Amino acid sequence: MAEYDVRIGFWLRAYDGFTVEAATDEEAIGKARAAALAAMELTSHPGHIDFDARREGIIAFIDQVTADQRRAVAEDVEFDTDRFHGAPSA
């Protein structure tokens, strides 16, 4: 029997929050959009990550591992149908 190293990738839904001050609902929406764009660029941890809802899985790679070498077998292998970002590029 050969040994294979398998790595998967998936999306987790994350939530964060902030406060904006505005004079009107329309201004609040505009400020919220601007603040949301800035928040998405941050590299810090969000306020909450939903670990119970893993989505859109892909097998990133499968490598055969021996004492002497590591050999790539496959990359970007779909294994589920939970696709909200479309099919992975081939």
Protein backbone atom coordinates (compact mmCIF):
# COMPACT_ATOMS: atom_id res chain seq x y z
CA MET A 1 0.00 0.00 0.00
CA ALA A 2 1.24 3.45 -0.87
CA GLU A 3 0.80 6.55 1.29
CA TYR A 4 -0.87 9.66 -0.13
CA ASP A 5 -0.90 13.16 1.37
CA VAL A 6 -4.29 14.80 0.69
CA ARG A 7 -4.99 18.51 1.37
CA ILE A 8 -8.42 20.05 1.11
CA GLY A 9 -9.53 23.65 0.90
CA PHE A 10 -12.91 25.05 1.86
CA TRP A 11 -14.70 28.28 2.72
CA LEU A 12 -15.97 29.19 6.16
CA ARG A 13 -18.58 31.90 6.64
CA ALA A 14 -17.16 34.71 8.77
CA TYR A 15 -18.87 37.69 10.34
CA ASP A 16 -17.55 41.00 11.61
CA GLY A 17 -19.18 44.27 12.58
CA PHE A 18 -18.65 47.96 13.03
CA THR A 19 -20.58 51.16 13.74
CA VAL A 20 -21.11 54.09 11.39
CA GLU A 21 -22.70 57.47 12.08
CA ALA A 22 -24.87 59.07 9.43
CA ALA A 23 -27.60 61.67 9.05
CA THR A 24 -29.76 59.59 6.68
CA ASP A 25 -30.39 55.95 5.80
CA GLU A 26 -28.79 56.48 2.38
CA GLU A 27 -25.67 57.98 3.97
CA ALA A 28 -25.52 55.04 6.41
CA ILE A 29 -25.65 52.58 3.50
CA GLY A 30 -22.84 54.44 1.69
CA LYS A 31 -20.67 54.58 4.80
CA ALA A 32 -21.39 50.92 5.57
CA ARG A 33 -20.28 49.91 2.07
CA ALA A 34 -17.04 51.87 2.39
CA ALA A 35 -16.34 50.45 5.86
CA ALA A 36 -17.17 46.91 4.68
CA LEU A 37 -14.68 47.21 1.82
CA ALA A 38 -12.00 48.35 4.28
CA ALA A 39 -12.87 45.52 6.70
CA MET A 40 -12.54 42.91 3.94
CA GLU A 41 -8.94 44.02 3.33
CA LEU A 42 -7.92 43.49 6.96
CA THR A 43 -5.80 40.46 7.84
CA SER A 44 -6.94 40.28 11.47
CA HIS A 45 -9.42 37.66 12.64
CA PRO A 46 -13.10 38.48 12.12
CA GLY A 47 -15.47 38.74 15.07
CA HIS A 48 -17.06 35.33 14.41
CA ILE A 49 -16.33 32.33 12.19
CA ASP A 50 -19.07 29.75 11.61
CA PHE A 51 -17.17 26.46 11.92
CA ASP A 52 -20.36 24.42 11.49
CA ALA A 53 -20.91 25.43 7.86
CA ARG A 54 -17.92 24.46 5.75
CA ARG A 55 -18.72 25.22 2.11
CA GLU A 56 -17.38 24.65 -1.37
CA GLY A 57 -14.74 22.02 -0.76
CA ILE A 58 -11.96 21.13 -3.16
CA ILE A 59 -9.09 18.67 -2.86
CA ALA A 60 -6.18 21.06 -3.31
CA PHE A 61 -3.74 18.27 -4.07
CA ILE A 62 -2.99 14.57 -3.71
CA ASP A 63 0.68 13.58 -3.54
CA GLN A 64 2.10 10.08 -3.28
CA VAL A 65 4.71 10.02 -0.53
CA THR A 66 7.53 7.50 -0.36
CA ALA A 67 10.73 7.41 1.67
CA ASP A 68 12.64 8.85 -1.30
CA GLN A 69 10.26 11.28 -2.98
CA ARG A 70 6.96 13.04 -3.21
CA ARG A 71 5.04 12.70 -6.49
CA ALA A 72 2.07 14.87 -7.50
CA VAL A 73 -0.95 12.74 -8.40
CA ALA A 74 -3.75 15.32 -8.80
CA GLU A 75 -4.69 18.94 -8.07
CA ASP A 76 -7.98 20.84 -7.73
CA VAL A 77 -10.25 17.79 -7.57
CA GLU A 78 -13.95 18.45 -6.92
CA PHE A 79 -15.61 16.10 -4.46
CA ASP A 80 -18.89 17.87 -3.68
CA THR A 81 -21.54 19.88 -5.49
CA ASP A 82 -21.68 22.80 -3.04
CA ARG A 83 -20.57 25.51 -5.47
CA PHE A 84 -21.40 29.17 -4.92
CA HIS A 85 -18.29 30.50 -6.65
CA GLY A 86 -18.68 28.43 -9.82
CA ALA A 87 -16.58 25.53 -11.01
CA PRO A 88 -12.84 25.65 -10.24
CA SER A 89 -10.61 26.65 -13.14
CA ALA A 90 -8.92 23.73 -14.83
